[in-house]
Amino acid sequence: MNPITSGRRHFEDLAVGEVLVLASVTVTREMIISFAREFDPLPFHLDEEAAKASLLGGLAASGWQTAALSLRLLNDAFLGHVASAGGLGFSDLKWRRPVLAGDTIGGTATIVALRLSQSHPEWGIAEIDFDISNHKGERAMTMRLANLIERREVLMTQPQQPYGTEHGSGRA
């Protein structure tokens, strides 16, 4: 057992259909502009007048900022409490409506699939669907995230051969 993750939930503790309620965060004008200056310097993320005249209708957070804030909420509610080794990627990312200055976002993350790693039996993979909404109940972002989770007990179905050797090959 890994002493660093021994007190955390492991792959065996997770269940498909488990819904994780995320906290919320209010996205301020200052947060939007600070993030945009560093990572996404488009006018509708930096300039309130340009933002009002844009399709977004006001100073809007970058979609990547919304995703980053959502990941932080997932960490606080879930990833910080499981034996996570990190993300494997995401799919089906949709920014469904802009997150404007003053909006409060939050939502849920649902475990939609659990599978064992084919190549590393000590790991399982959890697929998690995000559903992020603003304070008006309007859906702002959805996506699916795959995360690598440590298994507590690893059952080996066949012996592993060191250095890729085969049984009876006579070579090391």
Protein backbone atom coordinates (compact mmCIF):
# COMPACT_ATOMS: atom_id res chain seq x y z
CA MET A 1 0.00 0.00 0.00
CA ASN A 2 1.23 3.45 -0.89
CA PRO A 3 1.66 5.41 2.39
CA ILE A 4 0.88 8.71 0.66
CA THR A 5 -2.52 7.55 -0.60
CA SER A 6 -3.44 5.02 2.11
CA GLY A 7 -6.03 7.31 3.72
CA ARG A 8 -7.67 8.23 0.43
CA ARG A 9 -10.44 6.58 -1.55
CA HIS A 10 -9.20 4.13 -4.18
CA PHE A 11 -10.59 2.81 -7.44
CA GLU A 12 -12.45 0.02 -5.61
CA ASP A 13 -14.30 2.63 -3.53
CA LEU A 14 -15.84 4.39 -6.52
CA ALA A 15 -19.19 3.64 -8.14
CA VAL A 16 -20.67 4.43 -11.53
CA GLY A 17 -23.48 6.92 -11.00
CA GLU A 18 -21.85 8.58 -8.00
CA VAL A 19 -22.67 12.28 -8.14
CA LEU A 20 -20.19 14.74 -6.71
CA VAL A 21 -21.69 18.07 -5.74
CA LEU A 22 -19.22 20.83 -6.44
CA ALA A 23 -18.92 24.06 -4.49
CA SER A 24 -19.31 27.34 -6.32
CA VAL A 25 -17.10 30.26 -7.19
CA THR A 26 -17.99 33.81 -8.18
CA VAL A 27 -16.04 34.97 -11.22
CA THR A 28 -15.00 38.59 -10.80
CA ARG A 29 -13.99 41.19 -13.35
CA GLU A 30 -10.48 41.14 -11.89
CA MET A 31 -10.23 37.34 -12.21
CA ILE A 32 -11.32 37.48 -15.86
CA ILE A 33 -8.90 40.24 -16.85
CA SER A 34 -5.97 38.73 -14.95
CA PHE A 35 -6.46 35.31 -16.57
CA ALA A 36 -7.01 36.86 -20.01
CA ARG A 37 -3.87 39.00 -19.84
CA GLU A 38 -1.77 35.91 -19.22
CA PHE A 39 -3.51 33.20 -21.23
CA ASP A 40 -6.31 34.39 -23.56
CA PRO A 41 -5.91 38.08 -24.48
CA LEU A 42 -8.95 38.49 -26.69
CA PRO A 43 -10.83 41.82 -26.47
CA PHE A 44 -14.04 40.33 -24.98
CA HIS A 45 -11.95 38.98 -22.07
CA LEU A 46 -10.02 42.24 -21.51
CA ASP A 47 -12.13 45.25 -22.48
CA GLU A 48 -15.64 45.82 -21.13
CA GLU A 49 -16.74 48.02 -24.05
CA ALA A 50 -15.46 45.56 -26.65
CA ALA A 51 -17.11 42.75 -24.68
CA LYS A 52 -20.51 44.51 -24.65
CA ALA A 53 -20.33 44.91 -28.43
CA SER A 54 -19.36 41.25 -28.94
CA LEU A 55 -21.48 38.15 -29.37
CA LEU A 56 -20.87 37.42 -25.65
CA GLY A 57 -22.68 40.58 -24.50
CA GLY A 58 -20.34 41.47 -21.66
CA LEU A 59 -16.95 40.87 -20.09
CA ALA A 60 -16.65 37.09 -20.26
CA ALA A 61 -14.27 34.55 -18.77
CA SER A 62 -12.20 32.53 -21.16
CA GLY A 63 -13.64 29.05 -21.63
CA TRP A 64 -10.28 27.76 -20.45
CA GLN A 65 -10.69 29.77 -17.25
CA THR A 66 -14.12 28.20 -16.74
CA ALA A 67 -12.57 24.75 -17.26
CA ALA A 68 -9.70 25.53 -14.85
CA LEU A 69 -12.08 26.80 -12.16
CA SER A 70 -14.23 23.70 -12.63
CA LEU A 71 -11.20 21.46 -12.24
CA ARG A 72 -10.35 23.26 -9.00
CA LEU A 73 -13.89 22.63 -7.74
CA LEU A 74 -13.51 18.94 -8.67
CA ASN A 75 -10.20 18.78 -6.83
CA ASP A 76 -11.75 20.24 -3.69
CA ALA A 77 -14.75 17.88 -3.80
CA PHE A 78 -13.16 14.69 -5.10
CA LEU A 79 -9.67 14.49 -6.59
CA GLY A 80 -8.03 15.76 -3.41
CA HIS A 81 -9.64 12.84 -1.54
CA VAL A 82 -8.86 9.95 -3.89
CA ALA A 83 -5.63 8.22 -4.87
CA SER A 84 -5.47 10.13 -8.15
CA ALA A 85 -2.36 10.02 -10.31
CA GLY A 86 -3.66 12.74 -12.63
CA GLY A 87 -5.76 13.26 -15.68
CA LEU A 88 -5.51 11.27 -18.89
CA GLY A 89 -7.42 13.79 -21.00
CA PHE A 90 -10.86 15.08 -21.71
CA SER A 91 -13.48 14.90 -24.42
CA ASP A 92 -16.78 16.45 -25.41
CA LEU A 93 -15.87 19.89 -24.02
CA LYS A 94 -18.67 22.34 -24.71
CA TRP A 95 -18.84 25.95 -23.60
CA ARG A 96 -22.59 26.34 -23.69
CA ARG A 97 -22.92 29.95 -22.56
CA PRO A 98 -20.46 32.65 -21.53
CA VAL A 99 -19.50 33.07 -17.91
CA LEU A 100 -19.78 36.81 -17.32
CA ALA A 101 -18.22 38.99 -14.65
CA GLY A 102 -20.28 38.54 -11.49
CA ASP A 103 -21.56 35.06 -12.41
CA THR A 104 -21.31 32.34 -9.80
CA ILE A 105 -20.62 28.90 -11.26
CA GLY A 106 -20.88 25.45 -9.74
CA GLY A 107 -22.48 22.16 -10.50
CA THR A 108 -21.93 18.44 -10.40
CA ALA A 109 -19.49 15.84 -11.59
CA THR A 110 -20.80 12.32 -12.13
CA ILE A 111 -18.74 9.13 -12.39
CA VAL A 112 -20.04 7.63 -15.63
CA ALA A 113 -17.56 4.81 -16.24
CA LEU A 114 -14.94 2.80 -14.37
CA ARG A 115 -12.49 0.48 -16.06
CA LEU A 116 -9.20 -1.17 -15.28
CA SER A 117 -6.07 -0.12 -17.12
CA GLN A 118 -5.18 -2.73 -19.75
CA SER A 119 -1.44 -2.19 -19.42
CA HIS A 120 -1.04 -1.28 -15.73
CA PRO A 121 -3.11 -3.45 -13.35
CA GLU A 122 -2.28 -1.19 -10.40
CA TRP A 123 -4.46 1.56 -11.93
CA GLY A 124 -8.09 2.09 -12.77
CA ILE A 125 -9.61 4.79 -14.93
CA ALA A 126 -12.60 6.86 -13.86
CA GLU A 127 -14.55 8.83 -16.45
CA ILE A 128 -16.28 11.85 -14.96
CA ASP A 129 -18.89 14.09 -16.60
CA PHE A 130 -18.91 17.75 -15.59
CA ASP A 131 -22.12 19.78 -15.66
CA ILE A 132 -21.33 23.39 -14.75
CA SER A 133 -24.06 26.04 -14.49
CA ASN A 134 -24.27 29.67 -13.51
CA HIS A 135 -26.25 31.05 -10.57
CA LYS A 136 -29.34 31.37 -12.82
CA GLY A 137 -29.30 27.62 -13.45
CA GLU A 138 -28.12 28.09 -17.04
CA ARG A 139 -25.68 25.43 -18.23
CA ALA A 140 -22.26 27.04 -18.87
CA MET A 141 -19.94 24.11 -19.61
CA THR A 142 -19.96 20.34 -19.98
CA MET A 143 -17.12 17.91 -20.55
CA ARG A 144 -15.91 14.39 -19.83
CA LEU A 145 -12.65 13.89 -17.94
CA ALA A 146 -10.65 10.65 -17.61
CA ASN A 147 -8.60 10.27 -14.43
CA LEU A 148 -6.12 7.61 -13.35
CA ILE A 149 -6.93 6.22 -9.88
CA GLU A 150 -4.74 3.87 -7.84
CA ARG A 151 -6.13 0.44 -7.03
CA ARG A 152 -5.93 -0.79 -3.46
CA GLU A 153 -5.54 -4.46 -4.35
CA VAL A 154 -4.02 -5.68 -7.55
CA LEU A 155 -4.90 -9.19 -8.63
CA MET A 156 -2.47 -10.52 -11.18
CA THR A 157 -4.11 -13.01 -13.50
CA GLN A 158 -0.85 -14.06 -15.09
CA PRO A 159 2.74 -13.77 -13.92
CA GLN A 160 4.64 -10.79 -15.28
CA GLN A 161 7.89 -11.62 -17.02
CA PRO A 162 10.90 -9.43 -16.28
CA TYR A 163 12.48 -7.58 -19.20
CA GLY A 164 9.81 -8.78 -21.62
CA THR A 165 11.09 -12.39 -21.73
CA GLU A 166 8.78 -15.25 -22.59
CA HIS A 167 8.43 -18.57 -20.72
CA GLY A 168 10.93 -21.17 -21.99
CA SER A 169 12.67 -18.83 -24.41
CA GLY A 170 16.07 -19.52 -22.87
CA ARG A 171 16.99 -15.85 -23.14
CA ALA A 172 17.24 -13.22 -20.42
